[in-house]
PDB file of N, CA and C in Angstrom:
ATOM      1  N   UNK A   1     -35.953  29.165 -13.141  1.00  0.00           N
ATOM      2  CA  UNK A   1     -34.728  28.650 -12.580  1.00  0.00           C
ATOM      3  C   UNK A   1     -33.645  28.671 -13.645  1.00  0.00           C
ATOM      4  N   UNK A   2     -32.854  29.671 -13.633  1.00  0.00           N
ATOM      5  CA  UNK A   2     -31.798  29.788 -14.617  1.00  0.00           C
ATOM      6  C   UNK A   2     -30.440  29.450 -14.064  1.00  0.00           C
ATOM      7  N   UNK A   3     -30.405  28.653 -12.990  1.00  0.00           N
ATOM      8  CA  UNK A   3     -29.123  28.305 -12.386  1.00  0.00           C
ATOM      9  C   UNK A   3     -28.269  27.539 -13.377  1.00  0.00           C
ATOM     10  N   UNK A   4     -26.982  27.845 -13.382  1.00  0.00           N
ATOM     11  CA  UNK A   4     -26.061  27.190 -14.297  1.00  0.00           C
ATOM     12  C   UNK A   4     -24.690  27.202 -13.669  1.00  0.00           C
ATOM     13  N   UNK A   5     -23.955  26.125 -13.873  1.00  0.00           N
ATOM     14  CA  UNK A   5     -22.582  26.085 -13.397  1.00  0.00           C
ATOM     15  C   UNK A   5     -21.688  25.543 -14.491  1.00  0.00           C
ATOM     16  N   UNK A   6     -20.489  26.061 -14.562  1.00  0.00           N
ATOM     17  CA  UNK A   6     -19.552  25.584 -15.573  1.00  0.00           C
ATOM     18  C   UNK A   6     -18.573  24.579 -14.983  1.00  0.00           C
ATOM     19  N   UNK A   7     -18.793  24.187 -13.743  1.00  0.00           N
ATOM     20  CA  UNK A   7     -17.895  23.224 -13.101  1.00  0.00           C
ATOM     21  C   UNK A   7     -17.922  21.901 -13.863  1.00  0.00           C
ATOM     22  N   UNK A   8     -16.768  21.293 -13.977  1.00  0.00           N
ATOM     23  CA  UNK A   8     -16.692  20.008 -14.674  1.00  0.00           C
ATOM     24  C   UNK A   8     -17.179  18.885 -13.765  1.00  0.00           C
ATOM     25  N   UNK A   9     -17.435  17.739 -14.372  1.00  0.00           N
ATOM     26  CA  UNK A   9     -17.863  16.571 -13.608  1.00  0.00           C
ATOM     27  C   UNK A   9     -16.688  16.120 -12.743  1.00  0.00           C
ATOM     28  N   UNK A  10     -16.887  15.961 -11.441  1.00  0.00           N
ATOM     29  CA  UNK A  10     -15.783  15.491 -10.591  1.00  0.00           C
ATOM     30  C   UNK A  10     -15.252  14.135 -11.064  1.00  0.00           C
ATOM     31  N   UNK A  11     -13.943  13.992 -11.035  1.00  0.00           N
ATOM     32  CA  UNK A  11     -13.305  12.763 -11.533  1.00  0.00           C
ATOM     33  C   UNK A  11     -13.817  11.514 -10.824  1.00  0.00           C
ATOM     34  N   UNK A  12     -14.112  11.623  -9.531  1.00  0.00           N
ATOM     35  CA  UNK A  12     -14.570  10.440  -8.798  1.00  0.00           C
ATOM     36  C   UNK A  12     -15.949   9.980  -9.267  1.00  0.00           C
ATOM     37  N   UNK A  13     -16.683  10.815 -10.009  1.00  0.00           N
ATOM     38  CA  UNK A  13     -17.959  10.396 -10.583  1.00  0.00           C
ATOM     39  C   UNK A  13     -17.731   9.514 -11.811  1.00  0.00           C
ATOM     40  N   UNK A  14     -16.538   9.582 -12.391  1.00  0.00           N
ATOM     41  CA  UNK A  14     -16.272   8.888 -13.646  1.00  0.00           C
ATOM     42  C   UNK A  14     -15.295   7.723 -13.523  1.00  0.00           C
ATOM     43  N   UNK A  15     -14.398   7.771 -12.561  1.00  0.00           N
ATOM     44  CA  UNK A  15     -13.372   6.738 -12.421  1.00  0.00           C
ATOM     45  C   UNK A  15     -13.991   5.387 -12.091  1.00  0.00           C
ATOM     46  N   UNK A  16     -13.538   4.362 -12.778  1.00  0.00           N
ATOM     47  CA  UNK A  16     -13.963   2.978 -12.550  1.00  0.00           C
ATOM     48  C   UNK A  16     -15.484   2.827 -12.608  1.00  0.00           C
ATOM     49  N   UNK A  17     -16.112   3.520 -13.510  1.00  0.00           N
ATOM     50  CA  UNK A  17     -17.567   3.447 -13.686  1.00  0.00           C
ATOM     51  C   UNK A  17     -17.881   2.744 -15.002  1.00  0.00           C
ATOM     52  N   UNK A  18     -19.040   2.121 -15.039  1.00  0.00           N
ATOM     53  CA  UNK A  18     -19.491   1.468 -16.264  1.00  0.00           C
ATOM     54  C   UNK A  18     -19.928   2.544 -17.262  1.00  0.00           C
ATOM     55  N   UNK A  19     -20.053   2.176 -18.531  1.00  0.00           N
ATOM     56  CA  UNK A  19     -20.550   3.154 -19.508  1.00  0.00           C
ATOM     57  C   UNK A  19     -21.919   3.720 -19.127  1.00  0.00           C
ATOM     58  N   UNK A  20     -22.791   2.898 -18.579  1.00  0.00           N
ATOM     59  CA  UNK A  20     -24.116   3.378 -18.175  1.00  0.00           C
ATOM     60  C   UNK A  20     -24.009   4.375 -17.019  1.00  0.00           C
ATOM     61  N   UNK A  21     -23.130   4.099 -16.062  1.00  0.00           N
ATOM     62  CA  UNK A  21     -22.927   5.032 -14.949  1.00  0.00           C
ATOM     63  C   UNK A  21     -22.331   6.344 -15.447  1.00  0.00           C
ATOM     64  N   UNK A  22     -21.422   6.275 -16.389  1.00  0.00           N
ATOM     65  CA  UNK A  22     -20.841   7.498 -16.965  1.00  0.00           C
ATOM     66  C   UNK A  22     -21.901   8.306 -17.697  1.00  0.00           C
ATOM     67  N   UNK A  23     -22.784   7.606 -18.397  1.00  0.00           N
ATOM     68  CA  UNK A  23     -23.873   8.296 -19.085  1.00  0.00           C
ATOM     69  C   UNK A  23     -24.770   9.008 -18.074  1.00  0.00           C
ATOM     70  N   UNK A  24     -25.036   8.361 -16.945  1.00  0.00           N
ATOM     71  CA  UNK A  24     -25.824   8.993 -15.894  1.00  0.00           C
ATOM     72  C   UNK A  24     -25.137  10.235 -15.344  1.00  0.00           C
ATOM     73  N   UNK A  25     -23.824  10.163 -15.177  1.00  0.00           N
ATOM     74  CA  UNK A  25     -23.072  11.324 -14.695  1.00  0.00           C
ATOM     75  C   UNK A  25     -23.168  12.478 -15.683  1.00  0.00           C
ATOM     76  N   UNK A  26     -23.146  12.168 -16.973  1.00  0.00           N
ATOM     77  CA  UNK A  26     -23.276  13.216 -17.982  1.00  0.00           C
ATOM     78  C   UNK A  26     -24.664  13.855 -17.954  1.00  0.00           C
ATOM     79  N   UNK A  27     -25.708  13.051 -17.753  1.00  0.00           N
ATOM     80  CA  UNK A  27     -27.059  13.601 -17.640  1.00  0.00           C
ATOM     81  C   UNK A  27     -27.154  14.476 -16.390  1.00  0.00           C
ATOM     82  N   UNK A  28     -26.636  13.976 -15.272  1.00  0.00           N
ATOM     83  CA  UNK A  28     -26.631  14.729 -14.011  1.00  0.00           C
ATOM     84  C   UNK A  28     -25.959  16.075 -14.201  1.00  0.00           C
ATOM     85  N   UNK A  29     -24.851  16.082 -14.932  1.00  0.00           N
ATOM     86  CA  UNK A  29     -24.115  17.318 -15.172  1.00  0.00           C
ATOM     87  C   UNK A  29     -24.838  18.229 -16.171  1.00  0.00           C
ATOM     88  N   UNK A  30     -25.272  17.665 -17.288  1.00  0.00           N
ATOM     89  CA  UNK A  30     -25.864  18.497 -18.341  1.00  0.00           C
ATOM     90  C   UNK A  30     -27.203  19.096 -17.925  1.00  0.00           C
ATOM     91  N   UNK A  31     -27.939  18.417 -17.074  1.00  0.00           N
ATOM     92  CA  UNK A  31     -29.232  18.932 -16.606  1.00  0.00           C
ATOM     93  C   UNK A  31     -29.094  19.793 -15.352  1.00  0.00           C
ATOM     94  N   UNK A  32     -27.835  19.993 -14.915  1.00  0.00           N
ATOM     95  CA  UNK A  32     -27.536  20.864 -13.777  1.00  0.00           C
ATOM     96  C   UNK A  32     -28.189  20.405 -12.476  1.00  0.00           C
ATOM     97  N   UNK A  33     -28.328  19.088 -12.310  1.00  0.00           N
ATOM     98  CA  UNK A  33     -28.944  18.536 -11.096  1.00  0.00           C
ATOM     99  C   UNK A  33     -28.177  18.939  -9.839  1.00  0.00           C
ATOM    100  N   UNK A  34     -26.860  19.118  -9.975  1.00  0.00           N
ATOM    101  CA  UNK A  34     -26.012  19.426  -8.818  1.00  0.00           C
ATOM    102  C   UNK A  34     -26.315  20.799  -8.225  1.00  0.00           C
ATOM    103  N   UNK A  35     -27.026  21.639  -8.965  1.00  0.00           N
ATOM    104  CA  UNK A  35     -27.393  22.943  -8.406  1.00  0.00           C
ATOM    105  C   UNK A  35     -28.381  22.807  -7.253  1.00  0.00           C
ATOM    106  N   UNK A  36     -29.192  21.747  -7.277  1.00  0.00           N
ATOM    107  CA  UNK A  36     -30.183  21.535  -6.219  1.00  0.00           C
ATOM    108  C   UNK A  36     -29.882  20.311  -5.362  1.00  0.00           C
ATOM    109  N   UNK A  37     -29.278  19.299  -5.954  1.00  0.00           N
ATOM    110  CA  UNK A  37     -29.025  18.042  -5.248  1.00  0.00           C
ATOM    111  C   UNK A  37     -27.537  17.880  -4.972  1.00  0.00           C
ATOM    112  N   UNK A  38     -27.218  17.226  -3.857  1.00  0.00           N
ATOM    113  CA  UNK A  38     -25.821  16.922  -3.566  1.00  0.00           C
ATOM    114  C   UNK A  38     -25.577  15.439  -3.792  1.00  0.00           C
ATOM    115  N   UNK A  39     -24.330  15.138  -4.067  1.00  0.00           N
ATOM    116  CA  UNK A  39     -23.871  13.763  -4.183  1.00  0.00           C
ATOM    117  C   UNK A  39     -22.407  13.750  -3.775  1.00  0.00           C
ATOM    118  N   UNK A  40     -22.071  12.843  -2.901  1.00  0.00           N
ATOM    119  CA  UNK A  40     -20.691  12.788  -2.416  1.00  0.00           C
ATOM    120  C   UNK A  40     -20.283  14.028  -1.641  1.00  0.00           C
ATOM    121  N   UNK A  41     -21.243  14.695  -1.026  1.00  0.00           N
ATOM    122  CA  UNK A  41     -20.934  15.888  -0.243  1.00  0.00           C
ATOM    123  C   UNK A  41     -20.792  17.157  -1.055  1.00  0.00           C
ATOM    124  N   UNK A  42     -20.956  17.075  -2.377  1.00  0.00           N
ATOM    125  CA  UNK A  42     -20.837  18.257  -3.231  1.00  0.00           C
ATOM    126  C   UNK A  42     -22.183  18.557  -3.868  1.00  0.00           C
ATOM    127  N   UNK A  43     -22.503  19.835  -3.968  1.00  0.00           N
ATOM    128  CA  UNK A  43     -23.720  20.227  -4.655  1.00  0.00           C
ATOM    129  C   UNK A  43     -24.639  21.057  -3.792  1.00  0.00           C
ATOM    130  N   UNK A  44     -25.857  21.214  -4.285  1.00  0.00           N
ATOM    131  CA  UNK A  44     -26.830  22.074  -3.642  1.00  0.00           C
ATOM    132  C   UNK A  44     -27.559  21.414  -2.493  1.00  0.00           C
ATOM    133  N   UNK A  45     -28.295  22.234  -1.784  1.00  0.00           N
ATOM    134  CA  UNK A  45     -29.044  21.776  -0.618  1.00  0.00           C
ATOM    135  C   UNK A  45     -30.551  21.917  -0.793  1.00  0.00           C
ATOM    136  N   UNK A  46     -30.995  22.434  -1.937  1.00  0.00           N
ATOM    137  CA  UNK A  46     -32.428  22.663  -2.167  1.00  0.00           C
ATOM    138  C   UNK A  46     -33.189  21.343  -2.276  1.00  0.00           C
ATOM    139  N   UNK A  47     -32.609  20.366  -2.989  1.00  0.00           N
ATOM    140  CA  UNK A  47     -33.232  19.056  -3.139  1.00  0.00           C
ATOM    141  C   UNK A  47     -32.542  18.037  -2.245  1.00  0.00           C
ATOM    142  N   UNK A  48     -33.098  16.838  -2.159  1.00  0.00           N
ATOM    143  CA  UNK A  48     -32.489  15.815  -1.309  1.00  0.00           C
ATOM    144  C   UNK A  48     -31.160  15.323  -1.872  1.00  0.00           C
ATOM    145  N   UNK A  49     -30.294  14.863  -0.977  1.00  0.00           N
ATOM    146  CA  UNK A  49     -29.028  14.254  -1.389  1.00  0.00           C
ATOM    147  C   UNK A  49     -29.333  12.977  -2.165  1.00  0.00           C
ATOM    148  N   UNK A  50     -28.531  12.687  -3.171  1.00  0.00           N
ATOM    149  CA  UNK A  50     -28.797  11.544  -4.036  1.00  0.00           C
ATOM    150  C   UNK A  50     -27.836  10.376  -3.806  1.00  0.00           C
ATOM    151  N   UNK A  51     -27.054  10.419  -2.740  1.00  0.00           N
ATOM    152  CA  UNK A  51     -26.052   9.377  -2.491  1.00  0.00           C
ATOM    153  C   UNK A  51     -26.642   7.975  -2.396  1.00  0.00           C
ATOM    154  N   UNK A  52     -27.747   7.817  -1.727  1.00  0.00           N
ATOM    155  CA  UNK A  52     -28.298   6.468  -1.539  1.00  0.00           C
ATOM    156  C   UNK A  52     -29.659   6.313  -2.202  1.00  0.00           C
ATOM    157  N   UNK A  53     -29.928   7.118  -3.215  1.00  0.00           N
ATOM    158  CA  UNK A  53     -31.234   7.079  -3.856  1.00  0.00           C
ATOM    159  C   UNK A  53     -31.517   5.719  -4.497  1.00  0.00           C
ATOM    160  N   UNK A  54     -30.512   5.050  -5.007  1.00  0.00           N
ATOM    161  CA  UNK A  54     -30.725   3.740  -5.644  1.00  0.00           C
ATOM    162  C   UNK A  54     -31.140   2.683  -4.634  1.00  0.00           C
ATOM    163  N   UNK A  55     -30.831   2.891  -3.370  1.00  0.00           N
ATOM    164  CA  UNK A  55     -31.231   1.945  -2.329  1.00  0.00           C
ATOM    165  C   UNK A  55     -32.667   2.198  -1.869  1.00  0.00           C
ATOM    166  N   UNK A  56     -33.195   3.379  -2.167  1.00  0.00           N
ATOM    167  CA  UNK A  56     -34.543   3.736  -1.719  1.00  0.00           C
ATOM    168  C   UNK A  56     -35.609   3.516  -2.776  1.00  0.00           C
ATOM    169  N   UNK A  57     -35.219   3.535  -4.058  1.00  0.00           N
ATOM    170  CA  UNK A  57     -36.177   3.427  -5.152  1.00  0.00           C
ATOM    171  C   UNK A  57     -35.858   2.251  -6.052  1.00  0.00           C
ATOM    172  N   UNK A  58     -36.879   1.731  -6.719  1.00  0.00           N
ATOM    173  CA  UNK A  58     -36.670   0.701  -7.732  1.00  0.00           C
ATOM    174  C   UNK A  58     -36.170   1.381  -9.001  1.00  0.00           C
ATOM    175  N   UNK A  59     -35.729   0.600  -9.959  1.00  0.00           N
ATOM    176  CA  UNK A  59     -35.278   1.160 -11.240  1.00  0.00           C
ATOM    177  C   UNK A  59     -36.395   1.950 -11.911  1.00  0.00           C
ATOM    178  N   UNK A  60     -37.609   1.398 -11.911  1.00  0.00           N
ATOM    179  CA  UNK A  60     -38.742   2.096 -12.524  1.00  0.00           C
ATOM    180  C   UNK A  60     -39.031   3.422 -11.829  1.00  0.00           C
ATOM    181  N   UNK A  61     -38.961   3.431 -10.505  1.00  0.00           N
ATOM    182  CA  UNK A  61     -39.214   4.669  -9.767  1.00  0.00           C
ATOM    183  C   UNK A  61     -38.145   5.716 -10.076  1.00  0.00           C
ATOM    184  N   UNK A  62     -36.902   5.289 -10.218  1.00  0.00           N
ATOM    185  CA  UNK A  62     -35.826   6.223 -10.560  1.00  0.00           C
ATOM    186  C   UNK A  62     -36.063   6.846 -11.918  1.00  0.00           C
ATOM    187  N   UNK A  63     -36.431   6.032 -12.891  1.00  0.00           N
ATOM    188  CA  UNK A  63     -36.691   6.540 -14.244  1.00  0.00           C
ATOM    189  C   UNK A  63     -37.821   7.551 -14.208  1.00  0.00           C
ATOM    190  N   UNK A  64     -38.901   7.252 -13.498  1.00  0.00           N
ATOM    191  CA  UNK A  64     -40.030   8.189 -13.416  1.00  0.00           C
ATOM    192  C   UNK A  64     -39.613   9.501 -12.773  1.00  0.00           C
ATOM    193  N   UNK A  65     -38.809   9.446 -11.717  1.00  0.00           N
ATOM    194  CA  UNK A  65     -38.379  10.659 -11.025  1.00  0.00           C
ATOM    195  C   UNK A  65     -37.519  11.529 -11.937  1.00  0.00           C
ATOM    196  N   UNK A  66     -36.629  10.916 -12.688  1.00  0.00           N
ATOM    197  CA  UNK A  66     -35.725  11.681 -13.547  1.00  0.00           C
ATOM    198  C   UNK A  66     -36.488  12.294 -14.730  1.00  0.00           C
ATOM    199  N   UNK A  67     -37.401  11.531 -15.281  1.00  0.00           N
ATOM    200  CA  UNK A  67     -38.181  12.034 -16.421  1.00  0.00           C
ATOM    201  C   UNK A  67     -39.074  13.164 -15.959  1.00  0.00           C
TER     202      UNK A  67
END
């Protein structure tokens, strides 16, 4: 899987976000998650949409999935 995009992080991912949320946006961008997953209606369709993932998983489950 050599998918890569040079698109910048959408501003709405960063505006009025905590430092931890901004760090998550940077990981999402740097690991190219948007190539397979969508968020906010933007991104790929190969993986599940991540808009409400925090409501479906605990913090520990999220960490395990990302790792």
